[in-house]
Amino acid sequence: MGINDTGGTRDATALLARHAEALALFGDRVHAVRADQWDEATPCTEWSVRDLVNHLTAEQLWVPDLVTEGSTVTEVGGVHDGDVLGTRPKTSWDSAARAARKAFAAPGALERTVWLSYGQTPAVAYCAQMITDAVVHAWDLSRAIGADERLPEALVAFALEEVTPYAAGLSDSGLFAPPIEPPPGDGHQTRLLALLGRRA
C-alpha cells in the first residue's frame, strides 16, 4: 500500500516500528557527521550536509503541528522555514525526531487525517511518506560523509513498496532526479535509489 492510500488499514504497530527505525537510522548518520563536514556536498542537488539535515529536521517539526494540533500548512505558515538547526544541529535533530515519534505514536494519531500541501491525507500515509524520506536521505547523508551506505533491508523493502507506484512522476516536483535504469540483477536498495534518480 502506498502513501496515496485513503484508508487506515495499515498495522499501526508495524508502521510505528518502521518509523522509529527510520528516524534512528537517519539520526545515527547525523551523529556521525564530523565538525568539518557540514558544508560538504550531498547527492541532493544544491544541498550541503547541513542543508540536508536541516530539511529532515524541519520535516519532523511539522509532524506535531499537522498530526497533534490538526493544523493546516497555511496555518503553520513559515514557522519551520530557514535554519532550524541553530548552533547545535545534532541536538536539534534529536529533539525534532523525538517530537515526531511522540506525535505519531499518540493514541488515535494514525487514525486521523492531516492537511498536507496537496490536500487531505490519512495520517498513516503521511507517516509512511516520512519513513521513506528518512530512509532515502539516510543514504544521501551516508554518501556525503563517507559512512556505511548499506540500508536495513526491512526499511529498503518498505520504501521500495511505497515509492514504486508513483516514482515516475516524482521528478515533476523538481525535488527528485528522473528515475534511472538500475544494473541488471541488482538488489532492492539499488532499485530504490535508481527510482529516485540516484546511482548506488
N, C-alpha and C. Protein backbone atom coordinates (compact mmCIF):
# COMPACT_ATOMS: atom_id res chain seq x y z
N MET A 1 0.85 -1.20 0.00
CA MET A 1 0.00 0.00 0.00
C MET A 1 0.88 1.24 0.00
N GLY A 2 0.58 2.22 -0.83
CA GLY A 2 1.44 3.38 -0.98
C GLY A 2 0.97 4.56 -0.15
N ILE A 3 1.68 5.66 -0.27
CA ILE A 3 1.34 6.80 0.56
C ILE A 3 0.06 7.48 0.10
N ASN A 4 -0.46 7.11 -1.06
CA ASN A 4 -1.70 7.73 -1.51
C ASN A 4 -2.93 6.98 -1.05
N ASP A 5 -2.77 5.96 -0.21
CA ASP A 5 -3.91 5.22 0.31
C ASP A 5 -4.85 6.15 1.06
N THR A 6 -6.11 5.84 1.00
CA THR A 6 -7.10 6.66 1.69
C THR A 6 -7.66 5.96 2.92
N GLY A 7 -7.26 4.75 3.18
CA GLY A 7 -7.78 4.03 4.32
C GLY A 7 -6.78 3.91 5.43
N GLY A 8 -7.26 3.48 6.61
CA GLY A 8 -6.40 3.32 7.76
C GLY A 8 -6.14 1.86 8.07
N THR A 9 -5.84 1.06 7.03
CA THR A 9 -5.75 -0.38 7.20
C THR A 9 -4.36 -0.87 7.53
N ARG A 10 -3.40 0.00 7.61
CA ARG A 10 -2.05 -0.42 7.96
C ARG A 10 -2.03 -0.92 9.39
N ASP A 11 -1.11 -1.82 9.67
CA ASP A 11 -0.88 -2.26 11.04
C ASP A 11 -0.13 -1.15 11.76
N ALA A 12 -0.78 -0.54 12.74
CA ALA A 12 -0.20 0.63 13.39
C ALA A 12 1.10 0.30 14.10
N THR A 13 1.15 -0.85 14.76
CA THR A 13 2.36 -1.22 15.50
C THR A 13 3.55 -1.38 14.55
N ALA A 14 3.33 -2.05 13.42
CA ALA A 14 4.40 -2.25 12.45
C ALA A 14 4.83 -0.93 11.84
N LEU A 15 3.87 -0.06 11.54
CA LEU A 15 4.19 1.22 10.93
C LEU A 15 5.02 2.08 11.88
N LEU A 16 4.62 2.11 13.14
CA LEU A 16 5.37 2.90 14.12
C LEU A 16 6.77 2.33 14.34
N ALA A 17 6.89 1.02 14.26
CA ALA A 17 8.22 0.40 14.38
C ALA A 17 9.11 0.82 13.23
N ARG A 18 8.58 0.81 12.01
CA ARG A 18 9.36 1.26 10.85
C ARG A 18 9.73 2.73 10.99
N HIS A 19 8.79 3.52 11.47
CA HIS A 19 9.05 4.94 11.64
C HIS A 19 10.19 5.17 12.64
N ALA A 20 10.14 4.48 13.76
CA ALA A 20 11.21 4.62 14.75
C ALA A 20 12.55 4.18 14.19
N GLU A 21 12.54 3.10 13.42
CA GLU A 21 13.79 2.59 12.82
C GLU A 21 14.35 3.58 11.81
N ALA A 22 13.48 4.20 11.02
CA ALA A 22 13.93 5.15 10.01
C ALA A 22 14.55 6.39 10.65
N LEU A 23 13.90 6.88 11.70
CA LEU A 23 14.45 8.05 12.39
C LEU A 23 15.77 7.71 13.07
N ALA A 24 15.85 6.51 13.64
CA ALA A 24 17.10 6.10 14.28
C ALA A 24 18.22 5.97 13.26
N LEU A 25 17.89 5.45 12.07
CA LEU A 25 18.88 5.32 11.00
C LEU A 25 19.42 6.67 10.60
N PHE A 26 18.52 7.60 10.32
CA PHE A 26 18.99 8.93 9.92
C PHE A 26 19.73 9.60 11.07
N GLY A 27 19.22 9.44 12.28
CA GLY A 27 19.88 10.05 13.43
C GLY A 27 21.28 9.51 13.66
N ASP A 28 21.46 8.23 13.39
CA ASP A 28 22.79 7.64 13.51
C ASP A 28 23.77 8.33 12.56
N ARG A 29 23.31 8.62 11.34
CA ARG A 29 24.16 9.29 10.37
C ARG A 29 24.40 10.75 10.77
N VAL A 30 23.39 11.39 11.33
CA VAL A 30 23.57 12.77 11.80
C VAL A 30 24.68 12.83 12.85
N HIS A 31 24.65 11.90 13.76
CA HIS A 31 25.64 11.91 14.84
C HIS A 31 27.02 11.49 14.35
N ALA A 32 27.10 10.97 13.14
CA ALA A 32 28.40 10.60 12.56
C ALA A 32 29.04 11.76 11.80
N VAL A 33 28.30 12.85 11.60
CA VAL A 33 28.83 14.00 10.87
C VAL A 33 29.94 14.65 11.70
N ARG A 34 31.12 14.80 11.09
CA ARG A 34 32.21 15.48 11.77
C ARG A 34 32.04 17.00 11.66
N ALA A 35 32.71 17.71 12.52
CA ALA A 35 32.58 19.16 12.56
C ALA A 35 32.98 19.81 11.23
N ASP A 36 33.90 19.16 10.50
CA ASP A 36 34.37 19.74 9.24
C ASP A 36 33.57 19.27 8.02
N GLN A 37 32.44 18.57 8.25
CA GLN A 37 31.68 18.00 7.13
C GLN A 37 30.36 18.70 6.85
N TRP A 38 29.96 19.65 7.64
CA TRP A 38 28.64 20.24 7.47
C TRP A 38 28.47 20.97 6.15
N ASP A 39 29.55 21.42 5.56
CA ASP A 39 29.44 22.13 4.29
C ASP A 39 29.72 21.24 3.08
N GLU A 40 29.94 19.96 3.32
CA GLU A 40 30.20 19.03 2.22
C GLU A 40 28.97 18.87 1.32
N ALA A 41 29.21 18.57 0.06
CA ALA A 41 28.12 18.35 -0.90
C ALA A 41 27.43 17.01 -0.63
N THR A 42 26.19 16.90 -1.06
CA THR A 42 25.43 15.65 -0.94
C THR A 42 24.90 15.26 -2.32
N PRO A 43 24.35 14.05 -2.47
CA PRO A 43 23.73 13.69 -3.75
C PRO A 43 22.51 14.52 -4.09
N CYS A 44 21.97 15.26 -3.11
CA CYS A 44 20.82 16.12 -3.36
C CYS A 44 21.32 17.44 -3.97
N THR A 45 20.86 17.75 -5.14
CA THR A 45 21.34 18.92 -5.87
C THR A 45 21.25 20.18 -5.03
N GLU A 46 22.36 20.87 -4.92
CA GLU A 46 22.47 22.17 -4.25
C GLU A 46 22.30 22.10 -2.73
N TRP A 47 22.29 20.91 -2.15
CA TRP A 47 22.18 20.79 -0.70
C TRP A 47 23.51 20.34 -0.11
N SER A 48 23.96 21.07 0.90
CA SER A 48 25.11 20.63 1.69
C SER A 48 24.62 19.65 2.75
N VAL A 49 25.56 19.08 3.49
CA VAL A 49 25.19 18.19 4.59
C VAL A 49 24.27 18.93 5.57
N ARG A 50 24.62 20.15 5.90
CA ARG A 50 23.78 20.90 6.83
C ARG A 50 22.40 21.16 6.25
N ASP A 51 22.34 21.50 4.96
CA ASP A 51 21.05 21.73 4.32
C ASP A 51 20.18 20.48 4.40
N LEU A 52 20.78 19.32 4.15
CA LEU A 52 20.05 18.07 4.17
C LEU A 52 19.50 17.77 5.56
N VAL A 53 20.37 17.90 6.57
CA VAL A 53 19.92 17.64 7.95
C VAL A 53 18.88 18.68 8.37
N ASN A 54 19.05 19.90 7.93
CA ASN A 54 18.07 20.94 8.23
C ASN A 54 16.71 20.59 7.64
N HIS A 55 16.73 20.11 6.40
CA HIS A 55 15.48 19.72 5.73
C HIS A 55 14.75 18.63 6.51
N LEU A 56 15.46 17.57 6.87
CA LEU A 56 14.83 16.47 7.60
C LEU A 56 14.37 16.90 8.98
N THR A 57 15.14 17.76 9.63
CA THR A 57 14.75 18.25 10.95
C THR A 57 13.48 19.08 10.87
N ALA A 58 13.41 19.95 9.88
CA ALA A 58 12.20 20.75 9.70
C ALA A 58 10.99 19.87 9.42
N GLU A 59 11.18 18.81 8.64
CA GLU A 59 10.08 17.89 8.37
C GLU A 59 9.53 17.27 9.65
N GLN A 60 10.43 16.94 10.57
CA GLN A 60 9.97 16.36 11.84
C GLN A 60 9.21 17.39 12.67
N LEU A 61 9.63 18.64 12.58
CA LEU A 61 8.97 19.70 13.35
C LEU A 61 7.52 19.91 12.88
N TRP A 62 7.26 19.60 11.63
CA TRP A 62 5.90 19.74 11.11
C TRP A 62 4.94 18.71 11.70
N VAL A 63 5.44 17.55 12.10
CA VAL A 63 4.56 16.44 12.47
C VAL A 63 3.63 16.79 13.64
N PRO A 64 4.14 17.32 14.76
CA PRO A 64 3.20 17.67 15.84
C PRO A 64 2.14 18.69 15.41
N ASP A 65 2.54 19.65 14.59
CA ASP A 65 1.58 20.65 14.12
C ASP A 65 0.45 20.00 13.31
N LEU A 66 0.82 19.12 12.39
CA LEU A 66 -0.16 18.54 11.49
C LEU A 66 -0.95 17.40 12.13
N VAL A 67 -0.27 16.56 12.90
CA VAL A 67 -0.92 15.36 13.45
C VAL A 67 -1.57 15.65 14.80
N THR A 68 -0.85 16.28 15.70
CA THR A 68 -1.37 16.52 17.05
C THR A 68 -2.33 17.70 17.09
N GLU A 69 -1.91 18.80 16.49
CA GLU A 69 -2.72 20.01 16.54
C GLU A 69 -3.79 20.07 15.46
N GLY A 70 -3.61 19.28 14.40
CA GLY A 70 -4.58 19.30 13.31
C GLY A 70 -4.51 20.56 12.47
N SER A 71 -3.37 21.23 12.50
CA SER A 71 -3.22 22.48 11.74
C SER A 71 -3.06 22.19 10.25
N THR A 72 -3.37 23.17 9.45
CA THR A 72 -3.12 23.09 8.01
C THR A 72 -1.75 23.70 7.72
N VAL A 73 -1.24 23.44 6.53
CA VAL A 73 0.03 24.02 6.12
C VAL A 73 -0.04 25.54 6.15
N THR A 74 -1.16 26.08 5.72
CA THR A 74 -1.34 27.53 5.71
C THR A 74 -1.31 28.09 7.13
N GLU A 75 -1.94 27.40 8.05
CA GLU A 75 -1.98 27.87 9.43
C GLU A 75 -0.60 27.86 10.08
N VAL A 76 0.19 26.85 9.77
CA VAL A 76 1.55 26.78 10.32
C VAL A 76 2.43 27.84 9.69
N GLY A 77 2.23 28.07 8.40
CA GLY A 77 2.96 29.11 7.71
C GLY A 77 4.46 28.84 7.63
N GLY A 78 5.26 29.86 7.84
CA GLY A 78 6.71 29.74 7.68
C GLY A 78 7.46 29.49 8.97
N VAL A 79 6.79 28.97 9.99
CA VAL A 79 7.42 28.77 11.30
C VAL A 79 8.67 27.90 11.20
N HIS A 80 8.63 26.90 10.33
CA HIS A 80 9.75 25.97 10.23
C HIS A 80 10.63 26.23 9.01
N ASP A 81 10.51 27.40 8.42
CA ASP A 81 11.36 27.77 7.30
C ASP A 81 12.74 28.20 7.81
N GLY A 82 13.70 28.21 6.91
CA GLY A 82 15.03 28.70 7.25
C GLY A 82 15.82 27.71 8.09
N ASP A 83 16.75 28.24 8.86
CA ASP A 83 17.64 27.41 9.67
C ASP A 83 16.95 27.00 10.96
N VAL A 84 16.71 25.70 11.11
CA VAL A 84 16.11 25.18 12.35
C VAL A 84 17.13 24.44 13.20
N LEU A 85 18.39 24.39 12.75
CA LEU A 85 19.42 23.63 13.45
C LEU A 85 20.15 24.45 14.51
N GLY A 86 20.30 25.73 14.28
CA GLY A 86 21.00 26.56 15.24
C GLY A 86 22.46 26.16 15.40
N THR A 87 22.97 26.37 16.60
CA THR A 87 24.38 26.10 16.86
C THR A 87 24.64 24.67 17.29
N ARG A 88 23.58 23.90 17.53
CA ARG A 88 23.73 22.51 17.97
C ARG A 88 22.86 21.62 17.08
N PRO A 89 23.29 21.40 15.85
CA PRO A 89 22.45 20.69 14.87
C PRO A 89 22.07 19.28 15.30
N LYS A 90 22.97 18.56 15.94
CA LYS A 90 22.65 17.19 16.33
C LYS A 90 21.58 17.17 17.42
N THR A 91 21.69 18.08 18.36
CA THR A 91 20.68 18.18 19.41
C THR A 91 19.34 18.62 18.83
N SER A 92 19.37 19.52 17.86
CA SER A 92 18.13 19.98 17.22
C SER A 92 17.45 18.83 16.50
N TRP A 93 18.24 18.00 15.80
CA TRP A 93 17.66 16.83 15.15
C TRP A 93 17.04 15.90 16.18
N ASP A 94 17.76 15.59 17.24
CA ASP A 94 17.25 14.65 18.25
C ASP A 94 15.92 15.13 18.83
N SER A 95 15.84 16.40 19.13
CA SER A 95 14.62 16.95 19.72
C SER A 95 13.45 16.87 18.75
N ALA A 96 13.69 17.22 17.49
CA ALA A 96 12.62 17.18 16.49
C ALA A 96 12.17 15.75 16.22
N ALA A 97 13.12 14.81 16.17
CA ALA A 97 12.78 13.41 15.92
C ALA A 97 11.94 12.84 17.07
N ARG A 98 12.30 13.18 18.30
CA ARG A 98 11.52 12.71 19.46
C ARG A 98 10.09 13.23 19.39
N ALA A 99 9.94 14.49 19.02
CA ALA A 99 8.61 15.09 18.94
C ALA A 99 7.77 14.43 17.85
N ALA A 100 8.39 14.11 16.72
CA ALA A 100 7.66 13.46 15.63
C ALA A 100 7.22 12.06 16.03
N ARG A 101 8.11 11.31 16.67
CA ARG A 101 7.76 9.96 17.13
C ARG A 101 6.61 10.02 18.11
N LYS A 102 6.68 10.94 19.05
CA LYS A 102 5.63 11.08 20.06
C LYS A 102 4.29 11.41 19.41
N ALA A 103 4.31 12.27 18.42
CA ALA A 103 3.07 12.68 17.76
C ALA A 103 2.41 11.52 17.03
N PHE A 104 3.19 10.77 16.26
CA PHE A 104 2.61 9.65 15.52
C PHE A 104 2.18 8.51 16.45
N ALA A 105 2.88 8.35 17.59
CA ALA A 105 2.61 7.23 18.49
C ALA A 105 1.47 7.51 19.47
N ALA A 106 0.98 8.73 19.51
CA ALA A 106 -0.10 9.06 20.44
C ALA A 106 -1.35 8.26 20.11
N PRO A 107 -2.14 7.88 21.12
CA PRO A 107 -3.36 7.11 20.86
C PRO A 107 -4.26 7.78 19.83
N GLY A 108 -4.64 7.03 18.81
CA GLY A 108 -5.54 7.54 17.79
C GLY A 108 -4.90 8.40 16.72
N ALA A 109 -3.61 8.69 16.85
CA ALA A 109 -2.97 9.61 15.89
C ALA A 109 -3.01 9.08 14.47
N LEU A 110 -2.77 7.79 14.30
CA LEU A 110 -2.72 7.23 12.94
C LEU A 110 -4.11 7.05 12.32
N GLU A 111 -5.13 7.31 13.10
CA GLU A 111 -6.49 7.22 12.57
C GLU A 111 -6.98 8.58 12.05
N ARG A 112 -6.16 9.59 12.22
CA ARG A 112 -6.56 10.93 11.83
C ARG A 112 -6.28 11.22 10.36
N THR A 113 -6.78 12.34 9.92
CA THR A 113 -6.47 12.87 8.59
C THR A 113 -5.69 14.17 8.78
N VAL A 114 -4.66 14.35 7.99
CA VAL A 114 -3.84 15.55 8.10
C VAL A 114 -3.94 16.36 6.81
N TRP A 115 -3.67 17.67 6.95
CA TRP A 115 -3.69 18.57 5.81
C TRP A 115 -2.27 18.82 5.35
N LEU A 116 -1.89 18.25 4.20
CA LEU A 116 -0.58 18.48 3.62
C LEU A 116 -0.69 19.51 2.50
N SER A 117 0.41 19.81 1.86
CA SER A 117 0.40 20.85 0.83
C SER A 117 -0.50 20.49 -0.35
N TYR A 118 -0.69 19.18 -0.58
CA TYR A 118 -1.52 18.75 -1.71
C TYR A 118 -2.91 18.31 -1.27
N GLY A 119 -3.29 18.58 -0.03
CA GLY A 119 -4.65 18.28 0.41
C GLY A 119 -4.70 17.33 1.58
N GLN A 120 -5.91 16.84 1.88
CA GLN A 120 -6.12 15.94 3.00
C GLN A 120 -5.49 14.57 2.72
N THR A 121 -4.84 14.01 3.73
CA THR A 121 -4.14 12.74 3.60
C THR A 121 -4.28 11.95 4.89
N PRO A 122 -4.54 10.64 4.82
CA PRO A 122 -4.57 9.85 6.04
C PRO A 122 -3.23 9.94 6.77
N ALA A 123 -3.27 9.99 8.09
CA ALA A 123 -2.03 10.08 8.87
C ALA A 123 -1.13 8.87 8.62
N VAL A 124 -1.73 7.70 8.35
CA VAL A 124 -0.89 6.53 8.06
C VAL A 124 -0.08 6.74 6.79
N ALA A 125 -0.67 7.39 5.81
CA ALA A 125 0.05 7.67 4.57
C ALA A 125 1.14 8.70 4.79
N TYR A 126 0.84 9.70 5.59
CA TYR A 126 1.84 10.72 5.93
C TYR A 126 3.01 10.08 6.66
N CYS A 127 2.73 9.20 7.60
CA CYS A 127 3.79 8.51 8.33
C CYS A 127 4.64 7.67 7.38
N ALA A 128 4.01 6.97 6.47
CA ALA A 128 4.74 6.15 5.50
C ALA A 128 5.64 7.01 4.63
N GLN A 129 5.14 8.17 4.24
CA GLN A 129 5.93 9.10 3.44
C GLN A 129 7.16 9.57 4.21
N MET A 130 6.97 9.86 5.48
CA MET A 130 8.08 10.32 6.31
C MET A 130 9.14 9.23 6.50
N ILE A 131 8.68 7.99 6.62
CA ILE A 131 9.61 6.87 6.74
C ILE A 131 10.48 6.79 5.49
N THR A 132 9.84 6.79 4.34
CA THR A 132 10.56 6.67 3.08
C THR A 132 11.56 7.80 2.90
N ASP A 133 11.15 9.01 3.23
CA ASP A 133 12.04 10.16 3.08
C ASP A 133 13.27 10.02 3.96
N ALA A 134 13.07 9.57 5.20
CA ALA A 134 14.21 9.41 6.12
C ALA A 134 15.16 8.33 5.63
N VAL A 135 14.61 7.25 5.09
CA VAL A 135 15.46 6.15 4.60
C VAL A 135 16.32 6.60 3.43
N VAL A 136 15.70 7.22 2.44
CA VAL A 136 16.44 7.64 1.25
C VAL A 136 17.47 8.71 1.60
N HIS A 137 17.09 9.66 2.44
CA HIS A 137 18.03 10.71 2.81
C HIS A 137 19.13 10.20 3.74
N ALA A 138 18.88 9.10 4.42
CA ALA A 138 19.96 8.48 5.21
C ALA A 138 21.06 7.99 4.28
N TRP A 139 20.66 7.48 3.12
CA TRP A 139 21.68 7.08 2.13
C TRP A 139 22.42 8.31 1.61
N ASP A 140 21.68 9.37 1.30
CA ASP A 140 22.32 10.60 0.82
C ASP A 140 23.36 11.09 1.83
N LEU A 141 22.98 11.11 3.08
CA LEU A 141 23.88 11.61 4.12
C LEU A 141 25.07 10.67 4.29
N SER A 142 24.81 9.38 4.21
CA SER A 142 25.90 8.40 4.32
C SER A 142 26.94 8.63 3.24
N ARG A 143 26.48 8.80 2.01
CA ARG A 143 27.42 9.02 0.90
C ARG A 143 28.19 10.32 1.09
N ALA A 144 27.51 11.34 1.56
CA ALA A 144 28.15 12.65 1.71
C ALA A 144 29.26 12.64 2.75
N ILE A 145 29.09 11.87 3.83
CA ILE A 145 30.07 11.91 4.92
C ILE A 145 30.98 10.69 4.94
N GLY A 146 30.80 9.78 3.97
CA GLY A 146 31.65 8.60 3.91
C GLY A 146 31.29 7.53 4.92
N ALA A 147 30.02 7.49 5.34
CA ALA A 147 29.55 6.46 6.27
C ALA A 147 29.08 5.23 5.51
N ASP A 148 28.75 4.18 6.23
CA ASP A 148 28.25 2.95 5.62
C ASP A 148 26.96 3.25 4.86
N GLU A 149 26.95 2.93 3.55
CA GLU A 149 25.78 3.23 2.72
C GLU A 149 24.75 2.11 2.70
N ARG A 150 25.03 1.01 3.34
CA ARG A 150 24.06 -0.09 3.36
C ARG A 150 22.90 0.27 4.27
N LEU A 151 21.70 0.11 3.75
CA LEU A 151 20.48 0.41 4.50
C LEU A 151 19.82 -0.88 4.98
N PRO A 152 19.14 -0.86 6.12
CA PRO A 152 18.47 -2.06 6.61
C PRO A 152 17.45 -2.59 5.60
N GLU A 153 17.48 -3.88 5.36
CA GLU A 153 16.64 -4.48 4.33
C GLU A 153 15.16 -4.21 4.55
N ALA A 154 14.71 -4.28 5.80
CA ALA A 154 13.28 -4.07 6.06
C ALA A 154 12.85 -2.66 5.68
N LEU A 155 13.70 -1.69 5.95
CA LEU A 155 13.38 -0.32 5.60
C LEU A 155 13.44 -0.10 4.09
N VAL A 156 14.41 -0.72 3.45
CA VAL A 156 14.50 -0.62 1.99
C VAL A 156 13.26 -1.21 1.33
N ALA A 157 12.84 -2.38 1.80
CA ALA A 157 11.66 -3.03 1.23
C ALA A 157 10.42 -2.16 1.42
N PHE A 158 10.30 -1.57 2.60
CA PHE A 158 9.17 -0.69 2.88
C PHE A 158 9.18 0.50 1.92
N ALA A 159 10.33 1.16 1.82
CA ALA A 159 10.43 2.35 0.98
C ALA A 159 10.21 2.01 -0.49
N LEU A 160 10.72 0.89 -0.93
CA LEU A 160 10.55 0.49 -2.33
C LEU A 160 9.08 0.27 -2.65
N GLU A 161 8.36 -0.36 -1.75
CA GLU A 161 6.93 -0.59 -1.95
C GLU A 161 6.17 0.74 -2.00
N GLU A 162 6.59 1.67 -1.18
CA GLU A 162 5.94 2.98 -1.15
C GLU A 162 6.19 3.78 -2.42
N VAL A 163 7.43 3.77 -2.88
CA VAL A 163 7.83 4.65 -3.97
C VAL A 163 7.42 4.13 -5.34
N THR A 164 7.45 2.83 -5.53
CA THR A 164 7.27 2.25 -6.86
C THR A 164 6.03 2.74 -7.61
N PRO A 165 4.85 2.84 -6.97
CA PRO A 165 3.66 3.22 -7.74
C PRO A 165 3.70 4.63 -8.32
N TYR A 166 4.46 5.55 -7.71
CA TYR A 166 4.41 6.92 -8.18
C TYR A 166 5.79 7.50 -8.52
N ALA A 167 6.80 6.65 -8.57
CA ALA A 167 8.17 7.13 -8.79
C ALA A 167 8.33 7.89 -10.10
N ALA A 168 7.64 7.45 -11.14
CA ALA A 168 7.81 8.06 -12.46
C ALA A 168 7.44 9.54 -12.46
N GLY A 169 6.53 9.95 -11.58
CA GLY A 169 6.10 11.34 -11.56
C GLY A 169 6.83 12.22 -10.57
N LEU A 170 7.72 11.64 -9.76
CA LEU A 170 8.37 12.42 -8.71
C LEU A 170 9.28 13.51 -9.26
N SER A 171 9.92 13.24 -10.40
CA SER A 171 10.84 14.25 -10.95
C SER A 171 10.10 15.51 -11.36
N ASP A 172 8.78 15.40 -11.62
CA ASP A 172 7.99 16.57 -12.00
C ASP A 172 7.92 17.59 -10.87
N SER A 173 8.12 17.11 -9.63
CA SER A 173 8.06 18.01 -8.48
C SER A 173 9.29 18.91 -8.38
N GLY A 174 10.36 18.52 -9.09
CA GLY A 174 11.59 19.28 -9.01
C GLY A 174 12.46 18.90 -7.83
N LEU A 175 11.98 17.99 -6.99
CA LEU A 175 12.73 17.58 -5.80
C LEU A 175 13.55 16.32 -6.03
N PHE A 176 13.28 15.62 -7.14
CA PHE A 176 13.98 14.38 -7.42
C PHE A 176 14.44 14.36 -8.87
N ALA A 177 15.58 13.71 -9.10
CA ALA A 177 16.04 13.50 -10.47
C ALA A 177 15.17 12.42 -11.12
N PRO A 178 15.11 12.38 -12.44
CA PRO A 178 14.33 11.34 -13.12
C PRO A 178 14.87 9.95 -12.77
N PRO A 179 14.01 8.93 -12.75
CA PRO A 179 14.48 7.56 -12.48
C PRO A 179 15.54 7.14 -13.48
N ILE A 180 16.44 6.30 -13.06
CA ILE A 180 17.46 5.74 -13.95
C ILE A 180 17.32 4.23 -13.94
N GLU A 181 17.90 3.60 -14.95
CA GLU A 181 17.82 2.14 -15.06
C GLU A 181 18.87 1.51 -14.15
N PRO A 182 18.45 0.68 -13.20
CA PRO A 182 19.43 0.04 -12.32
C PRO A 182 20.18 -1.07 -13.05
N PRO A 183 21.38 -1.42 -12.61
CA PRO A 183 22.10 -2.54 -13.21
C PRO A 183 21.28 -3.82 -13.12
N PRO A 184 21.34 -4.68 -14.13
CA PRO A 184 20.57 -5.93 -14.10
C PRO A 184 20.91 -6.78 -12.88
N GLY A 185 19.87 -7.30 -12.25
CA GLY A 185 20.08 -8.23 -11.16
C GLY A 185 20.46 -7.62 -9.83
N ASP A 186 20.51 -6.28 -9.76
CA ASP A 186 20.90 -5.65 -8.51
C ASP A 186 19.77 -5.74 -7.48
N GLY A 187 20.12 -5.50 -6.23
CA GLY A 187 19.19 -5.69 -5.13
C GLY A 187 18.20 -4.57 -4.95
N HIS A 188 17.38 -4.72 -3.90
CA HIS A 188 16.32 -3.77 -3.61
C HIS A 188 16.84 -2.36 -3.38
N GLN A 189 17.96 -2.23 -2.68
CA GLN A 189 18.46 -0.89 -2.38
C GLN A 189 18.85 -0.16 -3.66
N THR A 190 19.52 -0.83 -4.55
CA THR A 190 19.91 -0.20 -5.81
C THR A 190 18.68 0.20 -6.61
N ARG A 191 17.66 -0.66 -6.63
CA ARG A 191 16.43 -0.34 -7.36
C ARG A 191 15.72 0.86 -6.74
N LEU A 192 15.67 0.91 -5.41
CA LEU A 192 15.05 2.05 -4.73
C LEU A 192 15.76 3.35 -5.10
N LEU A 193 17.07 3.34 -5.01
CA LEU A 193 17.83 4.55 -5.31
C LEU A 193 17.68 4.95 -6.77
N ALA A 194 17.65 3.96 -7.67
CA ALA A 194 17.51 4.26 -9.09
C ALA A 194 16.17 4.89 -9.40
N LEU A 195 15.11 4.44 -8.71
CA LEU A 195 13.80 5.03 -8.91
C LEU A 195 13.79 6.51 -8.56
N LEU A 196 14.68 6.89 -7.66
CA LEU A 196 14.75 8.28 -7.22
C LEU A 196 15.93 9.02 -7.83
N GLY A 197 16.47 8.47 -8.93
CA GLY A 197 17.49 9.14 -9.69
C GLY A 197 18.89 9.11 -9.08
N ARG A 198 19.13 8.12 -8.21
CA ARG A 198 20.43 8.04 -7.55
C ARG A 198 21.18 6.80 -8.03
N ARG A 199 22.48 6.93 -8.19
CA ARG A 199 23.33 5.80 -8.57
C ARG A 199 24.06 5.30 -7.34
N ALA A 200 23.83 4.04 -6.99
CA ALA A 200 24.46 3.47 -5.80
C ALA A 200 25.96 3.33 -6.01
